[in-house]
Amino acid sequence: MEVRIGESNLKNIFFLARHAIRHLRNAYMHRYYLFDLFDSLKYMNWLNLGDDLIKIESVLLFQNHKIEKGMCLPEPKKRFGLDALRKIVKVLDGLDESTIARIDVNVMSSINNTLASYKTHINKNADEKNCIYATEVNRLIENRFRDEFAGQSDTPVQLMPKTVLEFEEYLNFVRSRKSVRNFNSSRKIEIAEIEKAIEAALETPSACNRQPWQVYVTQDMELVYKCLSFQNGNRGFEKTIGTLLTVVVDKKSYFDPTERHQPYVDGGLFSMSLIYGLHARGIQTCCLNWCATREKDVGLHGLIKLEKSKEIIMLIACGYADGGVLVPRSQRKSSNVFLKNLDL
């Protein structure tokens, strides 16, 4: 017996098949969450520091920040910070001299300055109730840092009473920044210019001042094109990009997976500061988002020899643009839609 399928039935079959394929594709892409889970468990822990410099510096900065910010409260406690001090001393006591020598000089300087000020604070508030506490603080600091203190501590510092830049000037500055997709490829950016922009971007806040970011730069056109091949948003202007930055954050800077979102927060803040720093130097940019498949992510990691613990936040195309180059206006929404007053 001949079975005939009507046109409407065929349409229904195609419709159902198409949706089934979409659902299967979405289910397949959900495996990325598993990759993120495994990466978080593997890299976001401080259980064993070993000689891993990223973890060591992150722990030291994390504990140091607890003490430093404790001295900046409206009414600093007479007794605080001993647990953080003990952890700093424990970490340093567990390292050999060659590892300590590799720690960034500014990290050690920050600890020395903070503890010098902390010691003064504790001794100033010492009384019968907390004399034992003060004795322990003094013992730990003097035993571990007796040779390091030099001069007067420079923390905490007083907040500047007034910013130098007027708001209208700042508003004009941020509004003048646009994403450029037509660079003058004959003009090369000096690496020193990028270094100056990074110097400004280092003032970006990060979780407990851990500063987990790094910037990888290339001006080798072959390598630029290879890097861009892993990213989907540069088609049509890739040949005008003479300088490419890759902003990354090391997941080993975070103590456990409760901080799983923090790399993107810290990395995003830093990226915007970097872009404004470049803009202030007259360098135009285009943000190239990193919505890549696992395969492309692994591919770029391998190409530029990134450690697996380093999360790619974004790529930034950089260059100079001639006057008259067209850019999208990119009209913003009304500002009142972004603020929700919880008191009303």
C-alpha atoms as a PDB file:
ATOM      1  CA  MET A   1       0.000   0.000   0.000  1.00  0.00           C
ATOM      2  CA  GLU A   2       1.429   3.367  -0.977  1.00  0.00           C
ATOM      3  CA  VAL A   3       1.812   5.862   1.846  1.00  0.00           C
ATOM      4  CA  ARG A   4       1.723   9.519   0.940  1.00  0.00           C
ATOM      5  CA  ILE A   5       2.977  12.298   3.166  1.00  0.00           C
ATOM      6  CA  GLY A   6       1.217  15.559   2.637  1.00  0.00           C
ATOM      7  CA  GLU A   7       3.039  18.869   2.245  1.00  0.00           C
ATOM      8  CA  SER A   8       1.865  20.090   5.648  1.00  0.00           C
ATOM      9  CA  ASN A   9       3.189  16.936   7.293  1.00  0.00           C
ATOM     10  CA  LEU A  10       6.568  17.395   5.610  1.00  0.00           C
ATOM     11  CA  LYS A  11       6.746  20.947   6.922  1.00  0.00           C
ATOM     12  CA  ASN A  12       5.994  19.680  10.432  1.00  0.00           C
ATOM     13  CA  ILE A  13       8.694  17.025  10.156  1.00  0.00           C
ATOM     14  CA  PHE A  14      11.270  19.563   8.962  1.00  0.00           C
ATOM     15  CA  PHE A  15      10.210  21.952  11.721  1.00  0.00           C
ATOM     16  CA  LEU A  16      10.585  19.291  14.407  1.00  0.00           C
ATOM     17  CA  ALA A  17      13.896  18.080  12.991  1.00  0.00           C
ATOM     18  CA  ARG A  18      15.308  21.590  12.905  1.00  0.00           C
ATOM     19  CA  HIS A  19      14.339  22.222  16.522  1.00  0.00           C
ATOM     20  CA  ALA A  20      15.697  18.850  17.581  1.00  0.00           C
ATOM     21  CA  ILE A  21      19.045  19.712  15.996  1.00  0.00           C
ATOM     22  CA  ARG A  22      19.092  23.067  17.798  1.00  0.00           C
ATOM     23  CA  HIS A  23      18.369  21.408  21.142  1.00  0.00           C
ATOM     24  CA  LEU A  24      21.066  18.819  20.547  1.00  0.00           C
ATOM     25  CA  ARG A  25      23.537  21.549  19.640  1.00  0.00           C
ATOM     26  CA  ASN A  26      22.663  23.513  22.792  1.00  0.00           C
ATOM     27  CA  ALA A  27      23.022  20.378  24.902  1.00  0.00           C
ATOM     28  CA  TYR A  28      26.389  19.673  23.308  1.00  0.00           C
ATOM     29  CA  MET A  29      27.594  23.222  24.001  1.00  0.00           C
ATOM     30  CA  HIS A  30      26.656  22.882  27.666  1.00  0.00           C
ATOM     31  CA  ARG A  31      29.781  20.772  28.029  1.00  0.00           C
ATOM     32  CA  TYR A  32      31.630  24.092  28.329  1.00  0.00           C
ATOM     33  CA  TYR A  33      30.207  24.379  31.835  1.00  0.00           C
ATOM     34  CA  LEU A  34      31.939  21.120  32.699  1.00  0.00           C
ATOM     35  CA  PHE A  35      35.230  22.447  31.372  1.00  0.00           C
ATOM     36  CA  ASP A  36      34.800  25.542  33.548  1.00  0.00           C
ATOM     37  CA  LEU A  37      33.976  23.370  36.555  1.00  0.00           C
ATOM     38  CA  PHE A  38      37.096  21.238  36.144  1.00  0.00           C
ATOM     39  CA  ASP A  39      39.300  24.311  35.559  1.00  0.00           C
ATOM     40  CA  SER A  40      37.930  26.033  38.664  1.00  0.00           C
ATOM     41  CA  LEU A  41      38.549  22.993  40.843  1.00  0.00           C
ATOM     42  CA  LYS A  42      42.030  22.507  39.405  1.00  0.00           C
ATOM     43  CA  TYR A  43      43.376  26.047  39.513  1.00  0.00           C
ATOM     44  CA  MET A  44      41.294  27.992  42.058  1.00  0.00           C
ATOM     45  CA  ASN A  45      42.786  26.709  45.284  1.00  0.00           C
ATOM     46  CA  TRP A  46      45.608  27.637  47.633  1.00  0.00           C
ATOM     47  CA  LEU A  47      45.866  24.242  49.352  1.00  0.00           C
ATOM     48  CA  ASN A  48      49.404  23.683  48.134  1.00  0.00           C
ATOM     49  CA  LEU A  49      51.426  26.757  47.212  1.00  0.00           C
ATOM     50  CA  GLY A  50      54.680  24.961  46.440  1.00  0.00           C
ATOM     51  CA  ASP A  51      56.929  27.368  44.565  1.00  0.00           C
ATOM     52  CA  ASP A  52      54.086  28.725  42.411  1.00  0.00           C
ATOM     53  CA  LEU A  53      54.814  32.464  42.333  1.00  0.00           C
ATOM     54  CA  ILE A  54      51.287  33.457  41.258  1.00  0.00           C
ATOM     55  CA  LYS A  55      49.718  31.680  44.221  1.00  0.00           C
ATOM     56  CA  ILE A  56      52.377  32.879  46.671  1.00  0.00           C
ATOM     57  CA  GLU A  57      52.034  36.535  45.693  1.00  0.00           C
ATOM     58  CA  SER A  58      48.230  36.284  45.646  1.00  0.00           C
ATOM     59  CA  VAL A  59      48.120  34.882  49.189  1.00  0.00           C
ATOM     60  CA  LEU A  60      50.539  37.528  50.453  1.00  0.00           C
ATOM     61  CA  LEU A  61      48.609  40.378  48.824  1.00  0.00           C
ATOM     62  CA  PHE A  62      45.289  38.947  50.037  1.00  0.00           C
ATOM     63  CA  GLN A  63      46.416  38.769  53.674  1.00  0.00           C
ATOM     64  CA  ASN A  64      48.309  42.053  53.490  1.00  0.00           C
ATOM     65  CA  HIS A  65      45.178  43.786  52.195  1.00  0.00           C
ATOM     66  CA  LYS A  66      43.205  42.589  55.218  1.00  0.00           C
ATOM     67  CA  ILE A  67      45.604  44.409  57.515  1.00  0.00           C
ATOM     68  CA  GLU A  68      45.975  47.490  55.340  1.00  0.00           C
ATOM     69  CA  LYS A  69      42.240  48.097  54.923  1.00  0.00           C
ATOM     70  CA  GLY A  70      41.674  47.390  58.626  1.00  0.00           C
ATOM     71  CA  MET A  71      43.658  50.531  59.425  1.00  0.00           C
ATOM     72  CA  CYS A  72      41.386  52.607  57.160  1.00  0.00           C
ATOM     73  CA  LEU A  73      38.056  51.932  58.867  1.00  0.00           C
ATOM     74  CA  PRO A  74      36.154  54.782  60.585  1.00  0.00           C
ATOM     75  CA  GLU A  75      37.122  53.337  63.968  1.00  0.00           C
ATOM     76  CA  PRO A  76      39.982  50.847  63.529  1.00  0.00           C
ATOM     77  CA  LYS A  77      39.885  48.072  66.092  1.00  0.00           C
ATOM     78  CA  LYS A  78      42.585  47.960  68.734  1.00  0.00           C
ATOM     79  CA  ARG A  79      43.071  44.268  68.006  1.00  0.00           C
ATOM     80  CA  PHE A  80      42.833  42.950  64.460  1.00  0.00           C
ATOM     81  CA  GLY A  81      44.983  41.369  61.793  1.00  0.00           C
ATOM     82  CA  LEU A  82      46.899  38.816  63.868  1.00  0.00           C
ATOM     83  CA  ASP A  83      45.525  35.883  61.873  1.00  0.00           C
ATOM     84  CA  ALA A  84      46.505  37.571  58.587  1.00  0.00           C
ATOM     85  CA  LEU A  85      49.969  38.352  59.986  1.00  0.00           C
ATOM     86  CA  ARG A  86      50.459  34.730  61.047  1.00  0.00           C
ATOM     87  CA  LYS A  87      49.542  33.535  57.550  1.00  0.00           C
ATOM     88  CA  ILE A  88      51.988  35.964  55.931  1.00  0.00           C
ATOM     89  CA  VAL A  89      54.765  34.767  58.221  1.00  0.00           C
ATOM     90  CA  LYS A  90      53.830  31.105  57.648  1.00  0.00           C
ATOM     91  CA  VAL A  91      53.976  31.511  53.871  1.00  0.00           C
ATOM     92  CA  LEU A  92      57.334  33.287  53.921  1.00  0.00           C
ATOM     93  CA  ASP A  93      58.833  30.882  56.462  1.00  0.00           C
ATOM     94  CA  GLY A  94      57.906  27.999  54.171  1.00  0.00           C
ATOM     95  CA  LEU A  95      59.855  29.406  51.214  1.00  0.00           C
ATOM     96  CA  ASP A  96      63.530  29.065  50.430  1.00  0.00           C
ATOM     97  CA  GLU A  97      65.572  32.188  49.773  1.00  0.00           C
ATOM     98  CA  SER A  98      65.632  31.679  46.003  1.00  0.00           C
ATOM     99  CA  THR A  99      61.812  31.662  45.876  1.00  0.00           C
ATOM    100  CA  ILE A 100      61.563  34.726  48.109  1.00  0.00           C
ATOM    101  CA  ALA A 101      64.004  36.514  45.798  1.00  0.00           C
ATOM    102  CA  ARG A 102      61.593  35.903  42.892  1.00  0.00           C
ATOM    103  CA  ILE A 103      58.686  37.652  44.622  1.00  0.00           C
ATOM    104  CA  ASP A 104      57.954  41.015  43.048  1.00  0.00           C
ATOM    105  CA  VAL A 105      59.829  43.763  44.881  1.00  0.00           C
ATOM    106  CA  ASN A 106      56.670  45.877  45.160  1.00  0.00           C
ATOM    107  CA  VAL A 107      54.805  43.025  46.841  1.00  0.00           C
ATOM    108  CA  MET A 108      57.467  42.719  49.535  1.00  0.00           C
ATOM    109  CA  SER A 109      57.693  46.494  49.874  1.00  0.00           C
ATOM    110  CA  SER A 110      53.926  46.686  50.360  1.00  0.00           C
ATOM    111  CA  ILE A 111      54.057  44.041  53.105  1.00  0.00           C
ATOM    112  CA  ASN A 112      56.933  45.782  54.862  1.00  0.00           C
ATOM    113  CA  ASN A 113      55.186  49.151  54.773  1.00  0.00           C
ATOM    114  CA  THR A 114      51.865  47.732  55.926  1.00  0.00           C
ATOM    115  CA  LEU A 115      53.386  45.807  58.827  1.00  0.00           C
ATOM    116  CA  ALA A 116      55.462  48.787  59.948  1.00  0.00           C
ATOM    117  CA  SER A 117      52.297  50.867  60.171  1.00  0.00           C
ATOM    118  CA  TYR A 118      50.352  47.969  61.699  1.00  0.00           C
ATOM    119  CA  LYS A 119      52.968  47.525  64.417  1.00  0.00           C
ATOM    120  CA  THR A 120      52.750  51.220  65.272  1.00  0.00           C
ATOM    121  CA  HIS A 121      48.945  51.027  65.420  1.00  0.00           C
ATOM    122  CA  ILE A 122      48.920  47.981  67.711  1.00  0.00           C
ATOM    123  CA  ASN A 123      51.558  49.399  70.073  1.00  0.00           C
ATOM    124  CA  LYS A 124      49.800  52.747  70.265  1.00  0.00           C
ATOM    125  CA  ASN A 125      46.614  51.026  71.415  1.00  0.00           C
ATOM    126  CA  ALA A 126      48.271  48.546  73.730  1.00  0.00           C
ATOM    127  CA  ASP A 127      46.761  48.396  77.223  1.00  0.00           C
ATOM    128  CA  GLU A 128      46.264  45.820  79.949  1.00  0.00           C
ATOM    129  CA  LYS A 129      43.545  44.022  77.962  1.00  0.00           C
ATOM    130  CA  ASN A 130      45.527  43.544  74.777  1.00  0.00           C
ATOM    131  CA  CYS A 131      49.152  43.611  75.901  1.00  0.00           C
ATOM    132  CA  ILE A 132      49.530  39.888  75.118  1.00  0.00           C
ATOM    133  CA  TYR A 133      48.101  40.523  71.648  1.00  0.00           C
ATOM    134  CA  ALA A 134      50.553  43.380  71.055  1.00  0.00           C
ATOM    135  CA  THR A 135      53.461  41.256  72.314  1.00  0.00           C
ATOM    136  CA  GLU A 136      52.619  38.514  69.808  1.00  0.00           C
ATOM    137  CA  VAL A 137      52.342  41.007  66.938  1.00  0.00           C
ATOM    138  CA  ASN A 138      55.705  42.532  67.821  1.00  0.00           C
ATOM    139  CA  ARG A 139      57.341  39.126  68.152  1.00  0.00           C
ATOM    140  CA  LEU A 140      56.154  37.910  64.747  1.00  0.00           C
ATOM    141  CA  ILE A 141      57.097  41.105  62.953  1.00  0.00           C
ATOM    142  CA  GLU A 142      60.497  41.549  64.595  1.00  0.00           C
ATOM    143  CA  ASN A 143      61.486  37.903  64.105  1.00  0.00           C
ATOM    144  CA  ARG A 144      60.520  37.791  60.456  1.00  0.00           C
ATOM    145  CA  PHE A 145      61.025  41.365  59.266  1.00  0.00           C
ATOM    146  CA  ARG A 146      63.640  42.833  61.604  1.00  0.00           C
ATOM    147  CA  ASP A 147      66.013  43.665  58.723  1.00  0.00           C
ATOM    148  CA  GLU A 148      63.437  44.799  56.183  1.00  0.00           C
ATOM    149  CA  PHE A 149      62.000  47.951  57.720  1.00  0.00           C
ATOM    150  CA  ALA A 150      63.596  51.093  56.399  1.00  0.00           C
ATOM    151  CA  GLY A 151      62.326  54.602  56.838  1.00  0.00           C
ATOM    152  CA  GLN A 152      58.739  55.596  57.473  1.00  0.00           C
ATOM    153  CA  SER A 153      55.730  53.609  56.323  1.00  0.00           C
ATOM    154  CA  ASP A 154      53.736  55.099  53.452  1.00  0.00           C
ATOM    155  CA  THR A 155      50.421  53.407  54.211  1.00  0.00           C
ATOM    156  CA  PRO A 156      47.647  54.286  54.837  1.00  0.00           C
ATOM    157  CA  VAL A 157      47.659  57.519  52.847  1.00  0.00           C
ATOM    158  CA  GLN A 158      45.280  60.445  52.852  1.00  0.00           C
ATOM    159  CA  LEU A 159      42.717  60.633  50.068  1.00  0.00           C
ATOM    160  CA  MET A 160      43.272  63.476  47.626  1.00  0.00           C
ATOM    161  CA  PRO A 161      40.713  66.171  48.538  1.00  0.00           C
ATOM    162  CA  LYS A 162      39.810  66.930  44.906  1.00  0.00           C
ATOM    163  CA  THR A 163      40.305  65.222  41.581  1.00  0.00           C
ATOM    164  CA  VAL A 164      42.338  67.116  39.025  1.00  0.00           C
ATOM    165  CA  LEU A 165      39.950  66.398  36.148  1.00  0.00           C
ATOM    166  CA  GLU A 166      36.624  68.206  35.974  1.00  0.00           C
ATOM    167  CA  PHE A 167      33.638  65.953  35.270  1.00  0.00           C
ATOM    168  CA  GLU A 168      32.786  67.597  31.943  1.00  0.00           C
ATOM    169  CA  GLU A 169      36.352  67.032  30.772  1.00  0.00           C
ATOM    170  CA  TYR A 170      36.126  63.390  31.778  1.00  0.00           C
ATOM    171  CA  LEU A 171      32.744  62.974  30.084  1.00  0.00           C
ATOM    172  CA  ASN A 172      34.102  64.436  26.852  1.00  0.00           C
ATOM    173  CA  PHE A 173      37.079  62.114  27.083  1.00  0.00           C
ATOM    174  CA  VAL A 174      35.069  58.903  27.511  1.00  0.00           C
ATOM    175  CA  ARG A 175      32.600  59.935  24.809  1.00  0.00           C
ATOM    176  CA  SER A 176      35.414  60.562  22.375  1.00  0.00           C
ATOM    177  CA  ARG A 177      36.526  56.942  22.597  1.00  0.00           C
ATOM    178  CA  LYS A 178      35.067  54.847  19.791  1.00  0.00           C
ATOM    179  CA  SER A 179      35.801  51.359  18.491  1.00  0.00           C
ATOM    180  CA  VAL A 180      37.841  51.787  15.322  1.00  0.00           C
ATOM    181  CA  ARG A 181      37.824  49.272  12.475  1.00  0.00           C
ATOM    182  CA  ASN A 182      40.085  51.033  10.019  1.00  0.00           C
ATOM    183  CA  PHE A 183      43.598  51.579  11.349  1.00  0.00           C
ATOM    184  CA  ASN A 184      46.500  53.196   9.544  1.00  0.00           C
ATOM    185  CA  SER A 185      48.670  50.106   9.179  1.00  0.00           C
ATOM    186  CA  SER A 186      51.687  52.182   8.117  1.00  0.00           C
ATOM    187  CA  ARG A 187      51.961  53.763  11.592  1.00  0.00           C
ATOM    188  CA  LYS A 188      53.460  51.499  14.231  1.00  0.00           C
ATOM    189  CA  ILE A 189      52.778  51.839  17.950  1.00  0.00           C
ATOM    190  CA  GLU A 190      55.863  52.037  20.125  1.00  0.00           C
ATOM    191  CA  ILE A 191      55.854  49.422  22.892  1.00  0.00           C
ATOM    192  CA  ALA A 192      56.717  52.226  25.335  1.00  0.00           C
ATOM    193  CA  GLU A 193      53.292  53.755  24.613  1.00  0.00           C
ATOM    194  CA  ILE A 194      51.572  50.517  25.587  1.00  0.00           C
ATOM    195  CA  GLU A 195      53.679  50.323  28.738  1.00  0.00           C
ATOM    196  CA  LYS A 196      52.506  53.815  29.730  1.00  0.00           C
ATOM    197  CA  ALA A 197      48.877  52.798  29.245  1.00  0.00           C
ATOM    198  CA  ILE A 198      49.444  49.686  31.362  1.00  0.00           C
ATOM    199  CA  GLU A 199      51.042  51.834  34.081  1.00  0.00           C
ATOM    200  CA  ALA A 200      47.777  53.784  34.313  1.00  0.00           C
ATOM    201  CA  ALA A 201      45.678  50.612  34.142  1.00  0.00           C
ATOM    202  CA  LEU A 202      47.530  49.172  37.144  1.00  0.00           C
ATOM    203  CA  GLU A 203      45.510  51.561  39.314  1.00  0.00           C
ATOM    204  CA  THR A 204      42.443  49.424  38.521  1.00  0.00           C
ATOM    205  CA  PRO A 205      40.889  47.904  41.657  1.00  0.00           C
ATOM    206  CA  SER A 206      41.004  44.122  41.971  1.00  0.00           C
ATOM    207  CA  ALA A 207      39.797  41.637  44.563  1.00  0.00           C
ATOM    208  CA  CYS A 208      41.995  42.234  47.636  1.00  0.00           C
ATOM    209  CA  ASN A 209      44.543  44.001  45.423  1.00  0.00           C
ATOM    210  CA  ARG A 210      45.683  40.714  43.862  1.00  0.00           C
ATOM    211  CA  GLN A 211      46.294  42.276  40.410  1.00  0.00           C
ATOM    212  CA  PRO A 212      45.816  38.978  38.543  1.00  0.00           C
ATOM    213  CA  TRP A 213      46.089  40.319  35.000  1.00  0.00           C
ATOM    214  CA  GLN A 214      48.676  40.195  32.243  1.00  0.00           C
ATOM    215  CA  VAL A 215      48.814  41.640  28.725  1.00  0.00           C
ATOM    216  CA  TYR A 216      50.376  39.775  25.809  1.00  0.00           C
ATOM    217  CA  VAL A 217      51.301  41.977  22.850  1.00  0.00           C
ATOM    218  CA  THR A 218      52.345  41.120  19.319  1.00  0.00           C
ATOM    219  CA  GLN A 219      53.140  43.277  16.309  1.00  0.00           C
ATOM    220  CA  ASP A 220      54.312  40.370  14.148  1.00  0.00           C
ATOM    221  CA  MET A 221      51.731  40.432  11.367  1.00  0.00           C
ATOM    222  CA  GLU A 222      51.813  36.687  10.777  1.00  0.00           C
ATOM    223  CA  LEU A 223      51.182  36.038  14.462  1.00  0.00           C
ATOM    224  CA  VAL A 224      48.515  38.770  14.580  1.00  0.00           C
ATOM    225  CA  TYR A 225      46.575  37.085  11.761  1.00  0.00           C
ATOM    226  CA  LYS A 226      46.920  33.665  13.364  1.00  0.00           C
ATOM    227  CA  CYS A 227      45.597  35.000  16.694  1.00  0.00           C
ATOM    228  CA  LEU A 228      42.723  36.760  14.951  1.00  0.00           C
ATOM    229  CA  SER A 229      41.742  33.534  13.186  1.00  0.00           C
ATOM    230  CA  PHE A 230      40.480  32.238  16.547  1.00  0.00           C
ATOM    231  CA  GLN A 231      38.220  35.279  17.050  1.00  0.00           C
ATOM    232  CA  ASN A 232      35.004  35.969  15.145  1.00  0.00           C
ATOM    233  CA  GLY A 233      34.659  39.765  15.218  1.00  0.00           C
ATOM    234  CA  ASN A 234      37.552  41.085  13.123  1.00  0.00           C
ATOM    235  CA  ARG A 235      36.501  40.160   9.609  1.00  0.00           C
ATOM    236  CA  GLY A 236      36.897  42.958   7.083  1.00  0.00           C
ATOM    237  CA  PHE A 237      39.505  45.010   8.956  1.00  0.00           C
ATOM    238  CA  GLU A 238      41.958  42.404  10.233  1.00  0.00           C
ATOM    239  CA  LYS A 239      44.631  43.469   7.732  1.00  0.00           C
ATOM    240  CA  THR A 240      44.715  46.985   9.204  1.00  0.00           C
ATOM    241  CA  ILE A 241      45.471  45.719  12.752  1.00  0.00           C
ATOM    242  CA  GLY A 242      49.165  46.255  13.425  1.00  0.00           C
ATOM    243  CA  THR A 243      49.141  45.656  17.185  1.00  0.00           C
ATOM    244  CA  LEU A 244      47.129  43.039  19.022  1.00  0.00           C
ATOM    245  CA  LEU A 245      46.775  42.758  22.800  1.00  0.00           C
ATOM    246  CA  THR A 246      45.506  39.695  24.633  1.00  0.00           C
ATOM    247  CA  VAL A 247      44.319  40.391  28.183  1.00  0.00           C
ATOM    248  CA  VAL A 248      44.410  37.381  30.501  1.00  0.00           C
ATOM    249  CA  VAL A 249      43.773  36.690  34.183  1.00  0.00           C
ATOM    250  CA  ASP A 250      45.411  33.858  36.092  1.00  0.00           C
ATOM    251  CA  LYS A 251      42.831  31.708  37.882  1.00  0.00           C
ATOM    252  CA  LYS A 252      45.480  30.639  40.393  1.00  0.00           C
ATOM    253  CA  SER A 253      45.098  34.120  41.912  1.00  0.00           C
ATOM    254  CA  TYR A 254      41.814  33.026  43.515  1.00  0.00           C
ATOM    255  CA  PHE A 255      41.399  30.881  46.603  1.00  0.00           C
ATOM    256  CA  ASP A 256      38.434  28.663  45.627  1.00  0.00           C
ATOM    257  CA  PRO A 257      35.547  28.351  43.118  1.00  0.00           C
ATOM    258  CA  THR A 258      33.362  30.796  45.064  1.00  0.00           C
ATOM    259  CA  GLU A 259      35.489  33.360  43.226  1.00  0.00           C
ATOM    260  CA  ARG A 260      34.723  31.782  39.838  1.00  0.00           C
ATOM    261  CA  HIS A 261      33.265  35.020  38.427  1.00  0.00           C
ATOM    262  CA  GLN A 262      36.049  37.224  39.727  1.00  0.00           C
ATOM    263  CA  PRO A 263      38.499  36.724  36.823  1.00  0.00           C
ATOM    264  CA  TYR A 264      35.996  38.367  34.483  1.00  0.00           C
ATOM    265  CA  VAL A 265      35.252  41.172  36.948  1.00  0.00           C
ATOM    266  CA  ASP A 266      38.923  41.948  37.580  1.00  0.00           C
ATOM    267  CA  GLY A 267      39.871  41.374  33.945  1.00  0.00           C
ATOM    268  CA  GLY A 268      37.017  43.480  32.600  1.00  0.00           C
ATOM    269  CA  LEU A 269      37.818  46.406  34.880  1.00  0.00           C
ATOM    270  CA  PHE A 270      41.481  46.239  33.912  1.00  0.00           C
ATOM    271  CA  SER A 271      40.683  46.026  30.190  1.00  0.00           C
ATOM    272  CA  MET A 272      38.567  49.165  30.322  1.00  0.00           C
ATOM    273  CA  SER A 273      41.288  51.031  32.223  1.00  0.00           C
ATOM    274  CA  LEU A 274      43.819  49.881  29.649  1.00  0.00           C
ATOM    275  CA  ILE A 275      41.624  51.048  26.775  1.00  0.00           C
ATOM    276  CA  TYR A 276      41.229  54.482  28.361  1.00  0.00           C
ATOM    277  CA  GLY A 277      44.988  54.616  28.969  1.00  0.00           C
ATOM    278  CA  LEU A 278      45.619  53.896  25.296  1.00  0.00           C
ATOM    279  CA  HIS A 279      43.003  56.456  24.315  1.00  0.00           C
ATOM    280  CA  ALA A 280      44.770  59.073  26.440  1.00  0.00           C
ATOM    281  CA  ARG A 281      47.956  58.333  24.460  1.00  0.00           C
ATOM    282  CA  GLY A 282      46.117  58.893  21.182  1.00  0.00           C
ATOM    283  CA  ILE A 283      45.884  55.178  20.353  1.00  0.00           C
ATOM    284  CA  GLN A 284      42.593  53.868  19.016  1.00  0.00           C
ATOM    285  CA  THR A 285      41.254  50.437  19.898  1.00  0.00           C
ATOM    286  CA  CYS A 286      38.586  47.885  19.089  1.00  0.00           C
ATOM    287  CA  CYS A 287      37.462  45.391  21.718  1.00  0.00           C
ATOM    288  CA  LEU A 288      37.343  41.855  20.337  1.00  0.00           C
ATOM    289  CA  ASN A 289      35.229  39.715  22.645  1.00  0.00           C
ATOM    290  CA  TRP A 290      36.243  36.185  23.500  1.00  0.00           C
ATOM    291  CA  CYS A 291      33.106  34.076  22.918  1.00  0.00           C
ATOM    292  CA  ALA A 292      35.169  31.194  21.619  1.00  0.00           C
ATOM    293  CA  THR A 293      34.632  27.458  21.497  1.00  0.00           C
ATOM    294  CA  ARG A 294      36.769  25.290  23.712  1.00  0.00           C
ATOM    295  CA  GLU A 295      38.749  24.248  20.668  1.00  0.00           C
ATOM    296  CA  LYS A 296      39.535  27.844  19.707  1.00  0.00           C
ATOM    297  CA  ASP A 297      40.389  28.729  23.293  1.00  0.00           C
ATOM    298  CA  VAL A 298      42.841  25.835  23.475  1.00  0.00           C
ATOM    299  CA  GLY A 299      44.175  26.822  20.054  1.00  0.00           C
ATOM    300  CA  LEU A 300      45.023  30.397  21.065  1.00  0.00           C
ATOM    301  CA  HIS A 301      46.495  29.186  24.356  1.00  0.00           C
ATOM    302  CA  GLY A 302      48.813  26.934  22.418  1.00  0.00           C
ATOM    303  CA  LEU A 303      49.690  29.515  19.789  1.00  0.00           C
ATOM    304  CA  ILE A 304      50.910  32.177  22.231  1.00  0.00           C
ATOM    305  CA  LYS A 305      52.101  29.628  24.809  1.00  0.00           C
ATOM    306  CA  LEU A 306      49.650  30.590  27.552  1.00  0.00           C
ATOM    307  CA  GLU A 307      49.578  28.531  30.721  1.00  0.00           C
ATOM    308  CA  LYS A 308      46.298  26.630  31.054  1.00  0.00           C
ATOM    309  CA  SER A 309      45.457  28.490  34.271  1.00  0.00           C
ATOM    310  CA  LYS A 310      45.283  31.800  32.411  1.00  0.00           C
ATOM    311  CA  GLU A 311      41.800  32.816  31.343  1.00  0.00           C
ATOM    312  CA  ILE A 312      41.555  34.865  28.159  1.00  0.00           C
ATOM    313  CA  ILE A 313      39.366  37.889  28.897  1.00  0.00           C
ATOM    314  CA  MET A 314      39.486  39.632  25.534  1.00  0.00           C
ATOM    315  CA  LEU A 315      41.597  40.662  22.569  1.00  0.00           C
ATOM    316  CA  ILE A 316      42.164  44.357  21.840  1.00  0.00           C
ATOM    317  CA  ALA A 317      43.032  45.581  18.360  1.00  0.00           C
ATOM    318  CA  CYS A 318      45.194  48.718  18.545  1.00  0.00           C
ATOM    319  CA  GLY A 319      46.452  51.311  16.123  1.00  0.00           C
ATOM    320  CA  TYR A 320      46.352  54.877  14.928  1.00  0.00           C
ATOM    321  CA  ALA A 321      43.481  56.107  12.799  1.00  0.00           C
ATOM    322  CA  ASP A 322      43.542  58.943  10.303  1.00  0.00           C
ATOM    323  CA  GLY A 323      41.138  61.847  10.677  1.00  0.00           C
ATOM    324  CA  GLY A 324      37.829  61.255   8.972  1.00  0.00           C
ATOM    325  CA  VAL A 325      37.754  57.502   9.561  1.00  0.00           C
ATOM    326  CA  LEU A 326      34.163  56.377  10.107  1.00  0.00           C
ATOM    327  CA  VAL A 327      33.106  54.747  13.368  1.00  0.00           C
ATOM    328  CA  PRO A 328      29.700  53.555  14.595  1.00  0.00           C
ATOM    329  CA  ARG A 329      27.861  56.110  16.628  1.00  0.00           C
ATOM    330  CA  SER A 330      26.665  53.283  18.911  1.00  0.00           C
ATOM    331  CA  GLN A 331      23.821  55.239  20.475  1.00  0.00           C
ATOM    332  CA  ARG A 332      23.487  54.459  24.174  1.00  0.00           C
ATOM    333  CA  LYS A 333      20.227  53.808  25.960  1.00  0.00           C
ATOM    334  CA  SER A 334      18.756  56.518  28.159  1.00  0.00           C
ATOM    335  CA  SER A 335      20.817  56.815  31.332  1.00  0.00           C
ATOM    336  CA  ASN A 336      17.764  56.566  33.603  1.00  0.00           C
ATOM    337  CA  VAL A 337      17.132  52.919  32.658  1.00  0.00           C
ATOM    338  CA  PHE A 338      20.387  51.811  34.303  1.00  0.00           C
ATOM    339  CA  LEU A 339      19.733  53.145  37.807  1.00  0.00           C
ATOM    340  CA  LYS A 340      17.233  51.463  40.108  1.00  0.00           C
ATOM    341  CA  ASN A 341      16.761  53.374  43.352  1.00  0.00           C
ATOM    342  CA  LEU A 342      15.969  50.839  46.065  1.00  0.00           C
ATOM    343  CA  ASP A 343      14.879  53.615  48.457  1.00  0.00           C
ATOM    344  CA  LEU A 344      11.881  54.684  46.372  1.00  0.00           C
END
